[in-house]
PDB file of all heavy atoms in Angstrom:
ATOM      1  N   SER A   1       0.022  24.481  23.315  1.00  0.00           N
ATOM      2  CA  SER A   1       0.592  25.515  22.460  1.00  0.00           C
ATOM      3  C   SER A   1       1.919  25.169  21.825  1.00  0.00           C
ATOM      4  O   SER A   1       2.285  25.829  20.867  1.00  0.00           O
ATOM      5  CB  SER A   1       0.806  26.852  23.274  1.00  0.00           C
ATOM      6  OG  SER A   1       1.573  26.477  24.422  1.00  0.00           O
ATOM      7  N   VAL A   2       2.498  24.144  22.272  1.00  0.00           N
ATOM      8  CA  VAL A   2       3.679  23.541  21.680  1.00  0.00           C
ATOM      9  C   VAL A   2       3.657  22.007  21.660  1.00  0.00           C
ATOM     10  O   VAL A   2       3.176  21.419  22.650  1.00  0.00           O
ATOM     11  CB  VAL A   2       4.924  23.882  22.455  1.00  0.00           C
ATOM     12  CG1 VAL A   2       6.252  23.248  21.985  1.00  0.00           C
ATOM     13  CG2 VAL A   2       5.078  25.404  22.681  1.00  0.00           C
ATOM     14  N   VAL A   3       3.884  21.402  20.461  1.00  0.00           N
ATOM     15  CA  VAL A   3       3.876  20.043  20.349  1.00  0.00           C
ATOM     16  C   VAL A   3       5.262  19.564  19.924  1.00  0.00           C
ATOM     17  O   VAL A   3       5.751  20.030  18.934  1.00  0.00           O
ATOM     18  CB  VAL A   3       2.788  19.623  19.307  1.00  0.00           C
ATOM     19  CG1 VAL A   3       2.824  18.052  19.181  1.00  0.00           C
ATOM     20  CG2 VAL A   3       1.444  19.979  19.702  1.00  0.00           C
ATOM     21  N   ILE A   4       5.781  18.546  20.767  1.00  0.00           N
ATOM     22  CA  ILE A   4       7.177  18.054  20.460  1.00  0.00           C
ATOM     23  C   ILE A   4       6.991  16.544  20.129  1.00  0.00           C
ATOM     24  O   ILE A   4       6.296  15.829  20.782  1.00  0.00           O
ATOM     25  CB  ILE A   4       8.158  18.170  21.719  1.00  0.00           C
ATOM     26  CG1 ILE A   4       8.149  19.757  21.995  1.00  0.00           C
ATOM     27  CG2 ILE A   4       9.503  17.729  21.393  1.00  0.00           C
ATOM     28  CD1 ILE A   4       8.952  20.001  23.334  1.00  0.00           C
ATOM     29  N   SER A   5       7.726  16.091  19.187  1.00  0.00           N
ATOM     30  CA  SER A   5       7.724  14.687  18.934  1.00  0.00           C
ATOM     31  C   SER A   5       9.276  14.236  18.770  1.00  0.00           C
ATOM     32  O   SER A   5      10.193  14.917  18.415  1.00  0.00           O
ATOM     33  CB  SER A   5       7.123  14.345  17.497  1.00  0.00           C
ATOM     34  OG  SER A   5       7.629  15.183  16.467  1.00  0.00           O
ATOM     35  N   MET A   6       9.482  13.020  19.236  1.00  0.00           N
ATOM     36  CA  MET A   6      10.723  12.338  19.205  1.00  0.00           C
ATOM     37  C   MET A   6      10.507  10.919  18.817  1.00  0.00           C
ATOM     38  O   MET A   6      10.221  10.061  19.765  1.00  0.00           O
ATOM     39  CB  MET A   6      11.362  12.440  20.570  1.00  0.00           C
ATOM     40  CG  MET A   6      12.818  11.752  20.585  1.00  0.00           C
ATOM     41  SD  MET A   6      13.971  12.136  19.222  1.00  0.00           S
ATOM     42  CE  MET A   6      14.994  13.307  20.203  1.00  0.00           C
ATOM     43  N   LEU A   7      10.523  10.483  17.553  1.00  0.00           N
ATOM     44  CA  LEU A   7      10.151   9.262  17.035  1.00  0.00           C
ATOM     45  C   LEU A   7      11.311   8.568  16.289  1.00  0.00           C
ATOM     46  O   LEU A   7      12.227   9.320  15.880  1.00  0.00           O
ATOM     47  CB  LEU A   7       8.901   9.474  16.201  1.00  0.00           C
ATOM     48  CG  LEU A   7       7.613   9.980  16.743  1.00  0.00           C
ATOM     49  CD1 LEU A   7       6.501  10.304  15.861  1.00  0.00           C
ATOM     50  CD2 LEU A   7       7.169   9.044  17.997  1.00  0.00           C
ATOM     51  N   PRO A   8      11.192   7.275  16.016  1.00  0.00           N
ATOM     52  CA  PRO A   8      12.335   6.546  15.517  1.00  0.00           C
ATOM     53  C   PRO A   8      12.666   6.931  13.967  1.00  0.00           C
ATOM     54  O   PRO A   8      13.856   6.899  13.612  1.00  0.00           O
ATOM     55  CB  PRO A   8      11.904   5.170  15.569  1.00  0.00           C
ATOM     56  CG  PRO A   8      10.894   5.054  16.654  1.00  0.00           C
ATOM     57  CD  PRO A   8      10.165   6.293  16.422  1.00  0.00           C
ATOM     58  N   ALA A   9      11.667   7.125  13.128  1.00  0.00           N
ATOM     59  CA  ALA A   9      11.921   7.237  11.753  1.00  0.00           C
ATOM     60  C   ALA A   9      10.944   7.992  10.896  1.00  0.00           C
ATOM     61  O   ALA A   9       9.975   8.421  11.452  1.00  0.00           O
ATOM     62  CB  ALA A   9      12.131   5.789  11.224  1.00  0.00           C
ATOM     63  N   SER A  10      11.264   8.266   9.681  1.00  0.00           N
ATOM     64  CA  SER A  10      10.365   9.161   8.851  1.00  0.00           C
ATOM     65  C   SER A  10       9.002   8.655   8.813  1.00  0.00           C
ATOM     66  O   SER A  10       7.995   9.377   8.895  1.00  0.00           O
ATOM     67  CB  SER A  10      10.929   9.175   7.354  1.00  0.00           C
ATOM     68  OG  SER A  10      12.310   9.780   7.384  1.00  0.00           O
ATOM     69  N   LYS A  11       8.830   7.220   8.666  1.00  0.00           N
ATOM     70  CA  LYS A  11       7.563   6.687   8.538  1.00  0.00           C
ATOM     71  C   LYS A  11       6.725   7.029   9.681  1.00  0.00           C
ATOM     72  O   LYS A  11       5.406   7.177   9.631  1.00  0.00           O
ATOM     73  CB  LYS A  11       7.586   5.200   8.152  1.00  0.00           C
ATOM     74  CG  LYS A  11       8.202   4.358   9.298  1.00  0.00           C
ATOM     75  CD  LYS A  11       8.182   2.862   8.825  1.00  0.00           C
ATOM     76  CE  LYS A  11       8.825   2.043   9.976  1.00  0.00           C
ATOM     77  NZ  LYS A  11       8.941   0.573   9.511  1.00  0.00           N
ATOM     78  N   HIS A  12       7.312   7.028  10.891  1.00  0.00           N
ATOM     79  CA  HIS A  12       6.536   7.240  12.184  1.00  0.00           C
ATOM     80  C   HIS A  12       6.186   8.702  12.276  1.00  0.00           C
ATOM     81  O   HIS A  12       4.998   8.999  12.672  1.00  0.00           O
ATOM     82  CB  HIS A  12       7.369   6.880  13.339  1.00  0.00           C
ATOM     83  CG  HIS A  12       7.908   5.453  13.324  1.00  0.00           C
ATOM     84  ND1 HIS A  12       9.149   5.155  13.113  1.00  0.00           N
ATOM     85  CD2 HIS A  12       7.169   4.325  13.490  1.00  0.00           C
ATOM     86  CE1 HIS A  12       9.332   3.857  13.145  1.00  0.00           C
ATOM     87  NE2 HIS A  12       8.140   3.233  13.300  1.00  0.00           N
ATOM     88  N   VAL A  13       7.003   9.609  11.888  1.00  0.00           N
ATOM     89  CA  VAL A  13       6.644  10.982  11.909  1.00  0.00           C
ATOM     90  C   VAL A  13       5.558  11.333  10.939  1.00  0.00           C
ATOM     91  O   VAL A  13       4.638  12.078  11.257  1.00  0.00           O
ATOM     92  CB  VAL A  13       7.964  11.927  11.604  1.00  0.00           C
ATOM     93  CG1 VAL A  13       7.523  13.377  11.595  1.00  0.00           C
ATOM     94  CG2 VAL A  13       8.946  11.653  12.685  1.00  0.00           C
ATOM     95  N   GLU A  14       5.683  10.818   9.707  1.00  0.00           N
ATOM     96  CA  GLU A  14       4.572  11.094   8.742  1.00  0.00           C
ATOM     97  C   GLU A  14       3.278  10.443   9.059  1.00  0.00           C
ATOM     98  O   GLU A  14       2.264  11.187   8.923  1.00  0.00           O
ATOM     99  CB  GLU A  14       5.046  10.586   7.344  1.00  0.00           C
ATOM    100  CG  GLU A  14       6.241  11.447   6.748  1.00  0.00           C
ATOM    101  CD  GLU A  14       6.347  11.309   5.293  1.00  0.00           C
ATOM    102  OE1 GLU A  14       5.370  11.331   4.557  1.00  0.00           O
ATOM    103  OE2 GLU A  14       7.490  11.258   4.795  1.00  0.00           O
ATOM    104  N   ALA A  15       3.317   9.264   9.583  1.00  0.00           N
ATOM    105  CA  ALA A  15       2.132   8.633   9.998  1.00  0.00           C
ATOM    106  C   ALA A  15       1.526   9.404  11.122  1.00  0.00           C
ATOM    107  O   ALA A  15       0.138   9.539  11.170  1.00  0.00           O
ATOM    108  CB  ALA A  15       2.300   7.190  10.440  1.00  0.00           C
ATOM    109  N   LEU A  16       2.280   9.917  12.092  1.00  0.00           N
ATOM    110  CA  LEU A  16       1.667  10.673  13.301  1.00  0.00           C
ATOM    111  C   LEU A  16       1.127  11.953  12.827  1.00  0.00           C
ATOM    112  O   LEU A  16      -0.007  12.319  13.060  1.00  0.00           O
ATOM    113  CB  LEU A  16       2.833  11.040  14.263  1.00  0.00           C
ATOM    114  CG  LEU A  16       2.500  11.912  15.406  1.00  0.00           C
ATOM    115  CD1 LEU A  16       1.450  11.132  16.337  1.00  0.00           C
ATOM    116  CD2 LEU A  16       3.594  12.396  16.194  1.00  0.00           C
ATOM    117  N   PHE A  17       1.805  12.829  12.107  1.00  0.00           N
ATOM    118  CA  PHE A  17       1.348  14.128  11.712  1.00  0.00           C
ATOM    119  C   PHE A  17       0.448  14.166  10.480  1.00  0.00           C
ATOM    120  O   PHE A  17      -0.497  14.990  10.453  1.00  0.00           O
ATOM    121  CB  PHE A  17       2.479  15.023  11.476  1.00  0.00           C
ATOM    122  CG  PHE A  17       3.192  15.366  12.830  1.00  0.00           C
ATOM    123  CD1 PHE A  17       4.500  14.953  13.015  1.00  0.00           C
ATOM    124  CD2 PHE A  17       2.535  16.212  13.759  1.00  0.00           C
ATOM    125  CE1 PHE A  17       5.214  15.317  14.167  1.00  0.00           C
ATOM    126  CE2 PHE A  17       3.232  16.467  14.971  1.00  0.00           C
ATOM    127  CZ  PHE A  17       4.474  16.008  15.106  1.00  0.00           C
ATOM    128  N   LEU A  18       0.618  13.214   9.544  1.00  0.00           N
ATOM    129  CA  LEU A  18      -0.149  13.389   8.300  1.00  0.00           C
ATOM    130  C   LEU A  18      -1.254  12.326   8.226  1.00  0.00           C
ATOM    131  O   LEU A  18      -2.183  12.363   7.385  1.00  0.00           O
ATOM    132  CB  LEU A  18       0.767  13.164   7.024  1.00  0.00           C
ATOM    133  CG  LEU A  18       1.977  14.206   6.945  1.00  0.00           C
ATOM    134  CD1 LEU A  18       2.753  13.939   5.784  1.00  0.00           C
ATOM    135  CD2 LEU A  18       1.357  15.630   6.999  1.00  0.00           C
ATOM    136  N   GLY A  19      -1.095  11.163   9.030  1.00  0.00           N
ATOM    137  CA  GLY A  19      -1.977  10.087   8.854  1.00  0.00           C
ATOM    138  C   GLY A  19      -1.590   9.143   7.734  1.00  0.00           C
ATOM    139  O   GLY A  19      -0.759   9.571   6.939  1.00  0.00           O
ATOM    140  N   GLU A  20      -2.295   8.087   7.754  1.00  0.00           N
ATOM    141  CA  GLU A  20      -2.000   7.091   6.661  1.00  0.00           C
ATOM    142  C   GLU A  20      -2.307   7.644   5.215  1.00  0.00           C
ATOM    143  O   GLU A  20      -1.667   7.177   4.260  1.00  0.00           O
ATOM    144  CB  GLU A  20      -2.728   5.801   6.836  1.00  0.00           C
ATOM    145  CG  GLU A  20      -2.387   5.066   8.182  1.00  0.00           C
ATOM    146  CD  GLU A  20      -0.895   4.622   8.242  1.00  0.00           C
ATOM    147  OE1 GLU A  20      -0.400   4.439   7.190  1.00  0.00           O
ATOM    148  OE2 GLU A  20      -0.338   4.652   9.344  1.00  0.00           O
ATOM    149  N   ASP A  21      -3.280   8.465   5.144  1.00  0.00           N
ATOM    150  CA  ASP A  21      -3.646   9.034   3.843  1.00  0.00           C
ATOM    151  C   ASP A  21      -3.092  10.459   3.502  1.00  0.00           C
ATOM    152  O   ASP A  21      -3.345  11.103   2.524  1.00  0.00           O
ATOM    153  CB  ASP A  21      -5.229   9.152   3.643  1.00  0.00           C
ATOM    154  CG  ASP A  21      -5.863   9.976   4.866  1.00  0.00           C
ATOM    155  OD1 ASP A  21      -5.102  10.497   5.639  1.00  0.00           O
ATOM    156  OD2 ASP A  21      -7.035   9.991   4.878  1.00  0.00           O
ATOM    157  N   GLY A  22      -2.362  10.910   4.501  1.00  0.00           N
ATOM    158  CA  GLY A  22      -1.684  12.151   4.397  1.00  0.00           C
ATOM    159  C   GLY A  22      -2.575  13.387   4.629  1.00  0.00           C
ATOM    160  O   GLY A  22      -2.198  14.546   4.396  1.00  0.00           O
ATOM    161  N   LEU A  23      -3.774  13.053   5.106  1.00  0.00           N
ATOM    162  CA  LEU A  23      -4.725  14.079   5.307  1.00  0.00           C
ATOM    163  C   LEU A  23      -5.353  14.195   6.866  1.00  0.00           C
ATOM    164  O   LEU A  23      -5.605  15.200   7.256  1.00  0.00           O
ATOM    165  CB  LEU A  23      -5.975  13.912   4.424  1.00  0.00           C
ATOM    166  CG  LEU A  23      -5.709  13.955   3.012  1.00  0.00           C
ATOM    167  CD1 LEU A  23      -6.867  13.472   2.061  1.00  0.00           C
ATOM    168  CD2 LEU A  23      -5.251  15.285   2.507  1.00  0.00           C
ATOM    169  N   GLY A  24      -5.389  13.014   7.497  1.00  0.00           N
ATOM    170  CA  GLY A  24      -6.089  12.974   8.734  1.00  0.00           C
ATOM    171  C   GLY A  24      -5.224  12.712  10.031  1.00  0.00           C
ATOM    172  O   GLY A  24      -5.654  12.188  11.020  1.00  0.00           O
ATOM    173  N   GLY A  25      -3.959  13.176   9.966  1.00  0.00           N
ATOM    174  CA  GLY A  25      -3.064  12.968  11.142  1.00  0.00           C
ATOM    175  C   GLY A  25      -3.231  13.967  12.156  1.00  0.00           C
ATOM    176  O   GLY A  25      -4.183  14.740  12.245  1.00  0.00           O
ATOM    177  N   LEU A  26      -2.223  14.072  12.975  1.00  0.00           N
ATOM    178  CA  LEU A  26      -2.351  14.856  14.243  1.00  0.00           C
ATOM    179  C   LEU A  26      -2.321  16.446  13.970  1.00  0.00           C
ATOM    180  O   LEU A  26      -2.811  17.146  14.688  1.00  0.00           O
ATOM    181  CB  LEU A  26      -1.031  14.604  15.263  1.00  0.00           C
ATOM    182  CG  LEU A  26      -1.103  14.973  16.544  1.00  0.00           C
ATOM    183  CD1 LEU A  26      -2.394  14.133  17.305  1.00  0.00           C
ATOM    184  CD2 LEU A  26       0.149  14.718  17.366  1.00  0.00           C
ATOM    185  N   LEU A  27      -1.812  16.742  12.717  1.00  0.00           N
ATOM    186  CA  LEU A  27      -1.809  18.244  12.381  1.00  0.00           C
ATOM    187  C   LEU A  27      -3.229  18.689  12.386  1.00  0.00           C
ATOM    188  O   LEU A  27      -3.451  19.920  12.552  1.00  0.00           O
ATOM    189  CB  LEU A  27      -1.135  18.322  11.112  1.00  0.00           C
ATOM    190  CG  LEU A  27       0.445  18.169  11.015  1.00  0.00           C
ATOM    191  CD1 LEU A  27       1.030  18.473   9.714  1.00  0.00           C
ATOM    192  CD2 LEU A  27       1.107  19.176  12.040  1.00  0.00           C
ATOM    193  N   ALA A  28      -4.144  17.723  12.028  1.00  0.00           N
ATOM    194  CA  ALA A  28      -5.515  18.326  11.986  1.00  0.00           C
ATOM    195  C   ALA A  28      -6.079  18.536  13.234  1.00  0.00           C
ATOM    196  O   ALA A  28      -7.269  19.142  13.387  1.00  0.00           O
ATOM    197  CB  ALA A  28      -6.268  17.254  11.071  1.00  0.00           C
ATOM    198  N   ARG A  29      -5.477  18.093  14.367  1.00  0.00           N
ATOM    199  CA  ARG A  29      -6.082  18.184  15.692  1.00  0.00           C
ATOM    200  C   ARG A  29      -5.389  19.222  16.567  1.00  0.00           C
ATOM    201  O   ARG A  29      -5.876  19.549  17.623  1.00  0.00           O
ATOM    202  CB  ARG A  29      -5.966  16.802  16.419  1.00  0.00           C
ATOM    203  CG  ARG A  29      -6.878  15.745  15.678  1.00  0.00           C
ATOM    204  CD  ARG A  29      -6.569  14.436  16.430  1.00  0.00           C
ATOM    205  NE  ARG A  29      -7.449  13.417  15.963  1.00  0.00           N
ATOM    206  CZ  ARG A  29      -8.644  13.050  16.330  1.00  0.00           C
ATOM    207  NH1 ARG A  29      -9.108  13.684  17.404  1.00  0.00           N
ATOM    208  NH2 ARG A  29      -9.362  12.109  15.947  1.00  0.00           N
ATOM    209  N   ILE A  30      -4.201  19.762  16.067  1.00  0.00           N
ATOM    210  CA  ILE A  30      -3.504  20.705  16.761  1.00  0.00           C
ATOM    211  C   ILE A  30      -4.066  22.080  16.582  1.00  0.00           C
ATOM    212  O   ILE A  30      -4.407  22.466  15.405  1.00  0.00           O
ATOM    213  CB  ILE A  30      -2.042  20.713  16.403  1.00  0.00           C
ATOM    214  CG1 ILE A  30      -1.365  19.313  16.678  1.00  0.00           C
ATOM    215  CG2 ILE A  30      -1.190  21.796  17.210  1.00  0.00           C
ATOM    216  CD1 ILE A  30       0.017  19.259  16.096  1.00  0.00           C
ATOM    217  N   ALA A  31      -4.212  22.889  17.643  1.00  0.00           N
ATOM    218  CA  ALA A  31      -4.909  24.227  17.504  1.00  0.00           C
ATOM    219  C   ALA A  31      -4.006  25.104  16.593  1.00  0.00           C
ATOM    220  O   ALA A  31      -2.767  25.097  16.769  1.00  0.00           O
ATOM    221  CB  ALA A  31      -4.994  24.786  18.864  1.00  0.00           C
ATOM    222  N   ALA A  32      -4.715  25.953  15.786  1.00  0.00           N
ATOM    223  CA  ALA A  32      -4.138  26.833  14.939  1.00  0.00           C
ATOM    224  C   ALA A  32      -3.236  27.850  15.770  1.00  0.00           C
ATOM    225  O   ALA A  32      -3.646  28.231  16.860  1.00  0.00           O
ATOM    226  CB  ALA A  32      -5.118  27.579  14.141  1.00  0.00           C
TER     227      ALA A  32
END
């Protein structure tokens, strides 16, 4: 119900949540 991230830099945060293409990252897997 809560997702927390603590990563080194912008590129890591964007890659995690948005994915390499900006569409398929972790945000697509987190419950609405």
